Protein backbone atom coordinates (compact mmCIF):
# COMPACT_ATOMS: atom_id res chain seq x y z
CA MET A 1 174.72 119.11 -19.28
CA ALA A 2 172.46 120.29 -22.09
CA ARG A 3 172.57 116.80 -23.61
CA LEU A 4 171.34 115.35 -20.31
CA LEU A 5 168.40 117.68 -19.78
CA ALA A 6 164.97 117.18 -21.30
CA ASP A 7 164.77 117.81 -25.05
CA LEU A 8 162.57 120.89 -25.49
CA THR A 9 162.48 120.66 -29.28
CA PRO A 10 158.77 119.66 -29.39
CA LEU A 11 157.92 122.84 -27.47
CA ARG A 12 159.95 124.96 -29.88
CA VAL A 13 158.83 123.55 -33.22
CA SER A 14 155.14 123.05 -32.54
CA PRO A 15 153.15 125.97 -31.10
CA ALA A 16 150.09 123.70 -30.85
CA TYR A 17 151.97 121.13 -28.78
CA ARG A 18 153.46 123.92 -26.63
CA ARG A 19 150.02 125.28 -25.80
CA LEU A 20 148.73 121.77 -25.10
CA TRP A 21 151.69 120.94 -22.84
CA ILE A 22 151.36 124.16 -20.83
CA GLY A 23 147.61 123.71 -20.54
CA ASN A 24 147.95 120.09 -19.45
CA SER A 25 150.67 121.02 -16.95
CA LEU A 26 148.40 123.52 -15.21
CA SER A 27 145.27 121.39 -15.38
CA ALA A 28 147.06 118.23 -14.15
CA VAL A 29 147.91 119.89 -10.84
CA GLY A 30 144.32 121.11 -10.49
CA THR A 31 142.96 117.65 -11.29
CA GLN A 32 145.16 116.06 -8.61
CA LEU A 33 143.96 118.70 -6.15
CA THR A 34 140.37 117.68 -6.85
CA LEU A 35 140.99 113.92 -6.72
CA VAL A 36 142.75 114.13 -3.36
CA ALA A 37 140.25 116.66 -1.96
CA VAL A 38 137.31 114.44 -2.98
CA SER A 39 138.80 111.51 -1.08
CA LEU A 40 139.33 113.75 1.95
CA GLU A 41 135.76 115.03 1.75
CA VAL A 42 134.32 111.52 1.47
CA PHE A 43 136.29 110.45 4.55
CA HIS A 44 135.19 113.65 6.34
CA LEU A 45 131.54 112.83 5.59
CA THR A 46 131.65 109.12 6.38
CA GLY A 47 134.70 108.39 8.54
CA SER A 48 135.03 105.20 6.49
CA SER A 49 138.07 104.04 4.54
CA LEU A 50 135.76 101.68 2.65
CA ALA A 51 133.72 104.65 1.44
CA VAL A 52 136.93 106.29 0.22
CA GLY A 53 137.94 103.06 -1.51
CA MET A 54 134.61 102.99 -3.34
CA LEU A 55 135.74 106.10 -5.22
CA GLY A 56 138.18 103.83 -7.06
CA ALA A 57 135.40 101.47 -8.12
CA PHE A 58 133.19 104.34 -9.34
CA ALA A 59 136.14 105.74 -11.30
CA LEU A 60 137.60 102.54 -12.78
CA VAL A 61 134.54 101.08 -14.54
CA PRO A 62 133.68 104.23 -16.55
CA LEU A 63 137.36 104.69 -17.38
CA VAL A 64 137.64 101.18 -18.84
CA VAL A 65 134.40 101.37 -20.85
CA ALA A 66 134.93 104.92 -22.07
CA GLY A 67 138.62 104.34 -22.75
CA LEU A 68 137.93 101.46 -25.13
CA TYR A 69 134.93 102.99 -26.85
CA GLY A 70 136.33 106.52 -26.82
CA GLY A 71 139.47 105.33 -28.57
CA ALA A 72 137.30 103.85 -31.33
CA VAL A 73 135.40 107.12 -31.68
CA ALA A 74 138.72 108.99 -31.94
CA ASP A 75 139.56 106.89 -35.01
CA HIS A 76 136.40 107.95 -36.85
CA VAL A 77 135.82 111.64 -36.08
CA ASP A 78 137.78 114.86 -35.98
CA ARG A 79 140.02 114.36 -32.94
CA ARG A 80 140.11 118.07 -32.19
CA LYS A 81 136.31 118.14 -31.82
CA LEU A 82 136.27 114.99 -29.67
CA ALA A 83 139.06 116.30 -27.43
CA LEU A 84 137.22 119.62 -27.09
CA ALA A 85 133.92 117.92 -26.22
CA SER A 86 135.45 115.57 -23.63
CA SER A 87 137.56 118.41 -22.16
CA SER A 88 134.40 120.49 -21.83
CA VAL A 89 132.71 117.68 -19.89
CA LEU A 90 135.76 117.41 -17.63
CA TRP A 91 135.63 121.14 -16.92
CA LEU A 92 131.86 121.12 -16.30
CA THR A 93 132.29 118.21 -13.92
CA ALA A 94 134.94 120.18 -12.01
CA VAL A 95 132.47 123.09 -11.86
CA LEU A 96 129.76 120.81 -10.41
CA ILE A 97 132.15 119.33 -7.83
CA ALA A 98 133.01 122.85 -6.71
CA ALA A 99 129.33 123.84 -6.75
CA GLN A 100 128.29 121.00 -4.45
CA ALA A 101 130.91 122.17 -1.97
CA TRP A 102 129.84 125.82 -2.19
CA LEU A 103 126.20 124.78 -1.72
CA GLY A 104 127.08 122.56 1.24
CA LEU A 105 125.26 119.48 -0.11
CA GLU A 106 127.52 117.05 1.80
CA SER A 107 126.30 114.07 -0.23
CA VAL A 108 128.65 111.16 -0.79
CA TRP A 109 126.50 109.85 -3.63
CA VAL A 110 126.70 113.16 -5.48
CA LEU A 111 130.49 112.90 -5.27
CA TYR A 112 130.43 109.28 -6.45
CA VAL A 113 128.34 110.18 -9.50
CA LEU A 114 130.47 113.20 -10.39
CA VAL A 115 133.68 111.19 -10.04
CA ALA A 116 132.22 108.52 -12.35
CA VAL A 117 131.28 111.14 -14.97
CA HIS A 118 134.72 112.74 -14.68
CA SER A 119 136.42 109.37 -15.09
CA GLY A 120 134.31 108.49 -18.14
CA ALA A 121 135.13 111.80 -19.82
CA SER A 122 138.79 111.25 -18.99
CA GLY A 123 138.59 107.81 -20.61
CA ILE A 124 137.61 109.51 -23.86
CA ASN A 125 139.92 112.48 -23.51
CA GLN A 126 143.17 110.66 -22.74
CA PRO A 127 143.32 108.29 -25.74
CA THR A 128 142.18 111.12 -28.02
CA ARG A 129 145.01 113.38 -26.86
CA GLY A 130 147.47 110.48 -27.13
CA ALA A 131 146.42 109.93 -30.74
CA ILE A 132 146.83 113.65 -31.47
CA ILE A 133 150.46 114.00 -30.31
CA PRO A 134 152.13 112.34 -33.38
CA ALA A 135 150.35 114.80 -35.68
CA LEU A 136 151.61 117.73 -33.59
CA VAL A 137 155.30 116.82 -33.34
CA GLY A 138 155.99 114.07 -35.90
CA LEU A 139 157.31 110.58 -35.19
CA LYS A 140 160.94 111.59 -34.65
CA LEU A 141 160.13 113.81 -31.68
CA LEU A 142 157.72 111.41 -29.98
CA PRO A 143 160.22 110.21 -27.30
CA ALA A 144 160.98 113.82 -26.33
CA ALA A 145 157.28 114.76 -26.27
CA ASN A 146 156.36 111.71 -24.17
CA ALA A 147 159.20 112.45 -21.73
CA LEU A 148 157.89 116.01 -21.33
CA ASN A 149 154.38 114.67 -20.73
CA MET A 150 155.71 112.24 -18.13
CA MET A 151 157.49 115.08 -16.34
CA THR A 152 154.23 117.02 -16.18
CA PHE A 153 152.36 114.03 -14.75
CA SER A 154 155.01 113.35 -12.11
CA VAL A 155 155.06 116.99 -10.96
CA ALA A 156 151.27 116.92 -10.62
CA MET A 157 151.50 113.69 -8.61
CA MET A 158 153.98 115.34 -6.22
CA VAL A 159 152.52 118.83 -5.94
CA GLY A 160 148.79 118.05 -6.15
CA PRO A 161 148.43 115.89 -3.02
CA LEU A 162 150.67 118.21 -1.01
CA PHE A 163 148.75 121.35 -1.93
CA ALA A 164 145.40 119.59 -1.55
CA GLY A 165 146.00 118.84 2.11
CA VAL A 166 147.20 122.38 2.80
CA LEU A 167 144.37 124.07 0.90
CA VAL A 168 141.62 121.93 2.42
CA ALA A 169 142.95 122.69 5.89
CA GLN A 170 143.37 126.42 5.24
CA VAL A 171 140.54 127.47 2.90
CA GLY A 172 138.18 124.49 2.71
CA TYR A 173 136.90 122.18 -0.01
CA ALA A 174 135.04 124.76 -2.11
CA TRP A 175 138.05 126.98 -2.76
CA THR A 176 140.27 123.93 -3.35
CA TYR A 177 137.93 122.60 -6.03
CA SER A 178 137.70 126.08 -7.55
CA VAL A 179 141.44 126.02 -8.27
CA ASP A 180 140.82 123.06 -10.61
CA VAL A 181 137.98 124.95 -12.32
CA VAL A 182 140.32 127.85 -13.11
CA THR A 183 143.46 125.89 -14.08
CA PHE A 184 141.56 123.56 -16.41
CA LEU A 185 140.61 126.53 -18.57
CA ALA A 186 144.22 126.54 -19.84
CA ALA A 187 143.84 122.98 -21.17
CA LEU A 188 140.45 123.81 -22.66
CA TYR A 189 141.91 126.82 -24.48
CA ALA A 190 144.83 124.77 -25.83
CA VAL A 191 142.48 122.15 -27.29
CA TRP A 192 140.20 124.85 -28.74
CA ARG A 193 143.20 126.33 -30.60
CA LEU A 194 144.05 123.03 -32.31
CA PRO A 195 143.38 122.75 -36.05
CA SER A 196 141.08 120.11 -37.51
CA LEU A 197 142.66 116.67 -36.92
CA PRO A 198 140.69 113.92 -38.70
CA PRO A 199 142.25 110.42 -38.57
CA GLN A 200 144.34 109.25 -41.51
CA ARG A 201 143.72 106.11 -43.50
CA GLN A 202 147.47 105.87 -44.03
CA ASP A 203 149.97 106.81 -41.36
CA ALA A 204 151.82 110.04 -41.95
CA ALA A 205 155.48 109.94 -40.98
CA GLY A 206 156.12 113.63 -41.58
CA VAL A 207 157.62 115.92 -38.98
CA ALA A 208 156.06 119.11 -37.74
CA GLY A 209 157.35 122.36 -39.19
CA SER A 210 160.55 123.67 -37.73
CA ASP A 211 159.11 126.84 -36.25
CA GLY A 212 155.43 126.99 -37.14
CA SER A 213 156.06 130.08 -39.27
CA ASP A 214 154.63 128.53 -42.41
CA GLY A 215 151.10 129.13 -41.12
CA SER A 216 150.52 125.44 -40.36
CA ASP A 217 150.90 126.05 -36.60
CA GLY A 218 153.52 123.30 -36.46
CA ILE A 219 151.13 120.58 -37.64
CA ASP A 220 152.11 117.94 -40.17
CA GLY A 221 150.20 118.96 -43.26
CA ALA A 222 149.28 115.40 -44.14
CA ALA A 223 147.28 115.17 -40.95
CA ALA A 224 144.69 117.58 -42.27
CA SER A 225 143.27 115.19 -44.84
CA ALA A 226 140.32 113.09 -43.72
CA GLY A 227 140.00 109.37 -44.05
CA GLY A 228 136.82 107.64 -45.09
CA ARG A 229 133.96 107.77 -42.63
CA ARG A 230 132.84 104.57 -40.99
CA ARG A 231 130.18 103.73 -38.48
CA VAL A 232 131.43 103.76 -34.90
CA GLY A 233 130.48 100.80 -32.72
CA TRP A 234 131.90 98.05 -30.56
CA GLY A 235 132.87 96.32 -33.78
CA SER A 236 135.49 99.06 -34.15
CA VAL A 237 136.81 98.20 -30.69
CA VAL A 238 137.04 94.53 -31.68
CA GLU A 239 138.86 95.55 -34.85
CA GLY A 240 141.46 97.34 -32.72
CA PHE A 241 141.97 94.27 -30.52
CA ARG A 242 142.21 92.08 -33.63
CA PHE A 243 144.94 94.33 -35.02
CA LEU A 244 146.74 94.32 -31.67
CA GLY A 245 146.58 90.52 -31.48
CA SER A 246 148.36 90.18 -34.83
CA ARG A 247 151.15 92.70 -34.09
CA PRO A 248 153.70 91.17 -31.66
CA ASN A 249 155.69 94.32 -30.92
CA LEU A 250 152.61 96.36 -30.01
CA ARG A 251 151.18 93.46 -28.05
CA MET A 252 154.39 93.17 -26.01
CA THR A 253 154.17 96.78 -24.82
CA PHE A 254 150.97 95.85 -22.99
CA ILE A 255 151.92 92.38 -21.78
CA ALA A 256 155.27 93.52 -20.39
CA ASP A 257 153.64 96.32 -18.41
CA ILE A 258 150.96 93.99 -17.04
CA VAL A 259 153.69 91.60 -15.83
CA ALA A 260 155.57 94.47 -14.16
CA MET A 261 152.50 95.86 -12.41
CA ALA A 262 150.93 92.53 -11.42
CA THR A 263 154.09 91.14 -9.83
CA ALA A 264 155.80 94.16 -8.28
CA PHE A 265 153.50 97.13 -7.70
CA PRO A 266 154.20 98.21 -4.09
CA ARG A 267 151.70 101.03 -3.46
CA ALA A 268 149.17 98.96 -1.49
CA LEU A 269 151.90 98.04 1.00
CA LEU A 270 153.24 101.55 1.60
CA PRO A 271 150.80 102.57 4.38
CA ALA A 272 151.73 99.55 6.50
CA ILE A 273 155.43 99.86 5.70
CA GLY A 274 155.65 103.58 6.43
CA ALA A 275 153.45 103.68 9.51
CA VAL A 276 154.18 100.28 11.11
CA VAL A 277 157.43 98.78 9.83
CA LEU A 278 159.38 102.02 9.57
CA GLY A 279 157.47 103.59 12.45
CA GLY A 280 157.25 106.97 10.79
CA GLY A 281 153.50 107.41 10.69
CA GLU A 282 151.69 109.26 7.91
CA ALA A 283 154.72 111.44 7.20
CA ALA A 284 156.77 108.36 6.27
CA VAL A 285 153.99 107.15 3.96
CA GLY A 286 153.97 110.55 2.27
CA ILE A 287 157.75 110.43 1.78
CA LEU A 288 157.56 106.97 0.19
CA LEU A 289 154.76 108.02 -2.17
CA ALA A 290 156.57 111.22 -3.11
CA ALA A 291 159.79 109.30 -3.76
CA MET A 292 158.26 107.38 -6.68
CA ALA A 293 156.90 110.60 -8.17
CA LEU A 294 160.29 112.27 -7.68
CA GLY A 295 161.98 109.47 -9.62
CA ALA A 296 159.54 109.99 -12.49
CA PHE A 297 160.13 113.75 -12.44
CA LEU A 298 163.92 113.39 -12.53
CA THR A 299 163.58 111.00 -15.46
CA GLY A 300 161.67 113.63 -17.39
CA LEU A 301 164.07 116.40 -16.38
CA PHE A 302 167.15 114.45 -17.47
CA SER A 303 165.53 112.70 -20.42
CA GLY A 304 167.92 114.05 -23.06
CA PRO A 305 169.75 110.72 -23.51
CA LEU A 306 166.42 108.90 -24.00
CA THR A 307 165.76 110.79 -27.22
CA ARG A 308 168.94 109.32 -28.76
CA ILE A 309 168.00 105.68 -28.09
CA VAL A 310 166.64 103.82 -31.13
CA ARG A 311 166.33 100.29 -29.69
CA HIS A 312 163.07 101.04 -27.93
CA GLY A 313 162.15 97.40 -27.28
CA ALA A 314 165.41 96.73 -25.46
CA ALA A 315 164.93 99.97 -23.50
CA VAL A 316 161.50 98.77 -22.30
CA TYR A 317 162.97 95.42 -21.24
CA TRP A 318 165.86 96.87 -19.24
CA ALA A 319 163.61 99.49 -17.66
CA ILE A 320 161.26 96.78 -16.39
CA VAL A 321 164.22 94.76 -15.13
CA ALA A 322 165.38 97.85 -13.25
CA TRP A 323 161.85 98.29 -11.88
CA GLY A 324 161.81 94.73 -10.54
CA LEU A 325 165.28 94.99 -9.00
CA SER A 326 164.40 98.34 -7.38
CA VAL A 327 161.25 96.89 -5.81
CA ALA A 328 163.22 93.87 -4.61
CA GLY A 329 165.86 96.22 -3.15
CA PHE A 330 163.09 98.15 -1.42
CA GLY A 331 161.93 94.84 0.05
CA VAL A 332 165.42 94.13 1.40
CA VAL A 333 165.51 97.52 3.14
CA VAL A 334 162.05 96.92 4.62
CA TYR A 335 163.22 93.50 5.85
CA LEU A 336 166.24 95.06 7.57
CA ALA A 337 164.03 97.74 9.10
CA ALA A 338 161.63 95.10 10.42
CA ARG A 339 164.53 93.19 12.00
CA ALA A 340 165.83 96.38 13.55
CA GLY A 341 162.42 97.16 15.02
CA ALA A 342 162.03 93.63 16.39
CA SER A 343 165.39 93.85 18.16
CA GLY A 344 164.70 97.23 19.73
CA GLY A 345 166.58 99.29 17.11
CA GLU A 346 165.55 102.35 15.14
CA PRO A 347 163.72 101.29 11.96
CA GLN A 348 163.24 104.97 11.03
CA HIS A 349 166.89 105.06 10.03
CA TYR A 350 166.01 102.96 6.99
CA LEU A 351 163.40 105.41 5.67
CA TRP A 352 165.66 107.28 3.27
CA ALA A 353 167.22 104.11 1.88
CA ALA A 354 163.69 102.81 1.23
CA ALA A 355 162.76 106.10 -0.43
CA ALA A 356 165.86 105.90 -2.63
CA PHE A 357 164.86 102.49 -3.98
CA LEU A 358 161.33 103.74 -4.66
CA ALA A 359 162.77 106.74 -6.50
CA LEU A 360 164.76 104.33 -8.67
CA ALA A 361 161.58 102.34 -9.26
CA GLY A 362 159.73 105.51 -10.30
CA CYS A 363 162.55 106.37 -12.67
CA ALA A 364 162.51 102.90 -14.26
CA ASP A 365 158.73 102.91 -14.62
CA SER A 366 158.84 106.30 -16.34
CA VAL A 367 161.46 105.13 -18.84
CA SER A 368 159.34 102.09 -19.62
CA SER A 369 156.23 104.24 -20.05
CA VAL A 370 157.97 106.70 -22.39
CA PHE A 371 159.21 104.00 -24.76
CA ARG A 372 156.07 101.85 -24.60
CA ASN A 373 153.92 104.81 -25.51
CA THR A 374 156.35 105.87 -28.24
CA ILE A 375 156.28 102.40 -29.81
CA LEU A 376 152.49 102.43 -29.66
CA GLN A 377 152.17 105.86 -31.25
CA SER A 378 154.79 105.39 -33.97
CA ALA A 379 154.11 101.79 -35.05
CA THR A 380 150.31 102.05 -35.13
CA PRO A 381 148.59 103.33 -38.30
CA ASP A 382 146.94 106.66 -37.64
CA HIS A 383 143.40 105.36 -38.20
CA LEU A 384 143.91 102.87 -35.33
CA ARG A 385 145.84 105.08 -32.90
CA GLY A 386 142.79 106.12 -30.91
CA ARG A 387 141.71 102.55 -30.23
CA LEU A 388 145.15 101.41 -29.15
CA GLN A 389 145.60 104.51 -27.01
CA GLY A 390 142.32 103.52 -25.37
CA VAL A 391 143.72 100.07 -24.59
CA PHE A 392 146.88 101.77 -23.28
CA ILE A 393 144.83 103.90 -20.88
CA VAL A 394 142.93 100.83 -19.65
CA VAL A 395 146.15 98.87 -19.05
CA VAL A 396 147.83 101.81 -17.31
CA ALA A 397 144.79 102.26 -15.06
CA GLY A 398 143.91 98.60 -14.54
CA GLY A 399 147.38 97.06 -14.21
CA PRO A 400 148.24 98.84 -10.94
CA ARG A 401 144.81 97.94 -9.52
CA VAL A 402 145.53 94.26 -10.21
CA GLY A 403 148.98 94.68 -8.67
CA GLU A 404 147.54 96.26 -5.53
CA MET A 405 145.13 93.36 -5.13
CA LEU A 406 147.80 90.70 -5.62
CA THR A 407 150.51 92.27 -3.46
CA GLY A 408 148.02 93.15 -0.74
CA GLY A 409 146.76 89.56 -0.63
CA ALA A 410 150.27 88.10 -0.76
CA ALA A 411 151.42 90.30 2.13
CA GLU A 412 148.75 88.74 4.35
CA LEU A 413 150.47 85.38 3.84
CA LEU A 414 154.13 86.28 3.29
CA THR A 415 154.63 89.64 5.10
CA GLU A 416 155.45 92.88 3.29
CA PRO A 417 159.24 92.41 2.89
CA VAL A 418 158.96 88.90 1.45
CA THR A 419 156.17 89.99 -0.91
CA LEU A 420 158.29 92.84 -2.24
CA MET A 421 161.43 90.74 -2.70
CA ALA A 422 159.56 87.85 -4.31
CA GLY A 423 157.55 90.21 -6.51
CA GLY A 424 160.65 92.00 -7.76
CA VAL A 425 162.34 88.72 -8.66
CA LEU A 426 159.18 87.42 -10.35
CA CYS A 427 158.99 90.64 -12.36
CA VAL A 428 162.53 90.17 -13.70
CA LEU A 429 161.96 86.49 -14.45
CA GLY A 430 158.57 87.15 -16.04
CA VAL A 431 159.70 89.90 -18.41
CA SER A 432 162.82 87.89 -19.32
CA ALA A 433 160.60 84.93 -20.20
CA LEU A 434 158.53 87.24 -22.41
CA MET A 435 161.66 88.29 -24.29
CA ARG A 436 162.55 84.66 -24.94
CA TRP A 437 159.02 84.12 -26.21
CA GLN A 438 159.13 87.17 -28.50
CA PRO A 439 162.84 87.89 -29.14
CA GLY A 440 161.98 90.23 -31.99
CA PHE A 441 160.80 92.83 -29.48
CA LEU A 442 164.38 93.36 -28.28
CA LYS A 443 165.34 94.23 -31.87
CA TYR A 444 162.63 96.86 -32.32
CA ASP A 445 164.23 99.91 -33.95
CA SER A 446 162.48 103.29 -33.92
CA ARG A 447 164.00 104.13 -37.30
CA HIS A 448 162.01 101.29 -38.83
CA PRO A 449 158.89 100.94 -36.64
CA VAL A 450 157.32 97.52 -37.15
CA PRO A 451 154.13 96.82 -35.20
């Protein structure tokens, strides 16, 4: 059983990573509380779903711009200082969101602006933290560290929305936002305790100290030396894209994920499926959404075997195949439920089968994410990690948005079940075609990371 459970070695050998993981775990739940509560408050103020949807537009654009540029900045300055500055902005934004609720401003535009600022700061913070992780745990422990991070994210995605609804109903928006203000202090403290982490001109493949007792706080000593300073600008962003374009294995981690999300991302269809096809109302929609997060959590909890896999490229491929097949299976269940409803049956009986397929999809997506991020972190030279982590954040944020647009539009023409089944099949065919185009990706070996 111990070999099946998550590998906790990164938490044991690196005190700095342990503090960061605990801080991020607490703050992630608080952040989800705020994001859900903001959407509830906007709907409360406007009664408009369109106004709630505009939150996504105000969040996405700053995230894309800041993610790309912030990653470039992270490759030229002390990453600890940049992470501390962006974390401070995130915390101050949470304070202002809570303050507007305590003051009773009730202004949608104030919320839009604060969400945009929060998203921009997150676009800088996320690639910076992603570039820091290899220096904290070493390359060998990256799969275990990424699995632990994924588990944290999935728990926040399950617990945050649930608690947000309860807290808003019981104590109101101001107190709900204040929870985020308090919990984020743990993440801020963890970043403040990091040592200086300037980017390296040459990648360091060392492993963090075994117990942190040597006074290095579990940090690879080579990471403390600074590389040459260069001017930060959009030219640095272009340099990162130029490097990515010439490295097929790194490039495939992005293209494969875009194919998976564009063809078979089901979230936009879940409200109609849960409320109309399955006839379960909002509760059914909540179960379907939670099922995907549960699959991701279970993957993190039982991620022990993932740390022993060395063919990371093949693992990404099979995970995306499993994602496509799970979404297609979900489509089959929805089709059967629709037929049952049309013939006077009980479509609600298919809810748990649908949730099971979505849990499998969440599991597959998490496995893909763990190995894609590990390839990116281990095969990228340290002085370029920030920029490529920025691209990673943009793809992770933008890919699902594209998928929602495509599947939502397709469902208008093909119905939800057909869209899901066709999308799942297209996902499998698309990623298989990519492997034929770049067969070297299937041979990628973590023991000899080649970008």
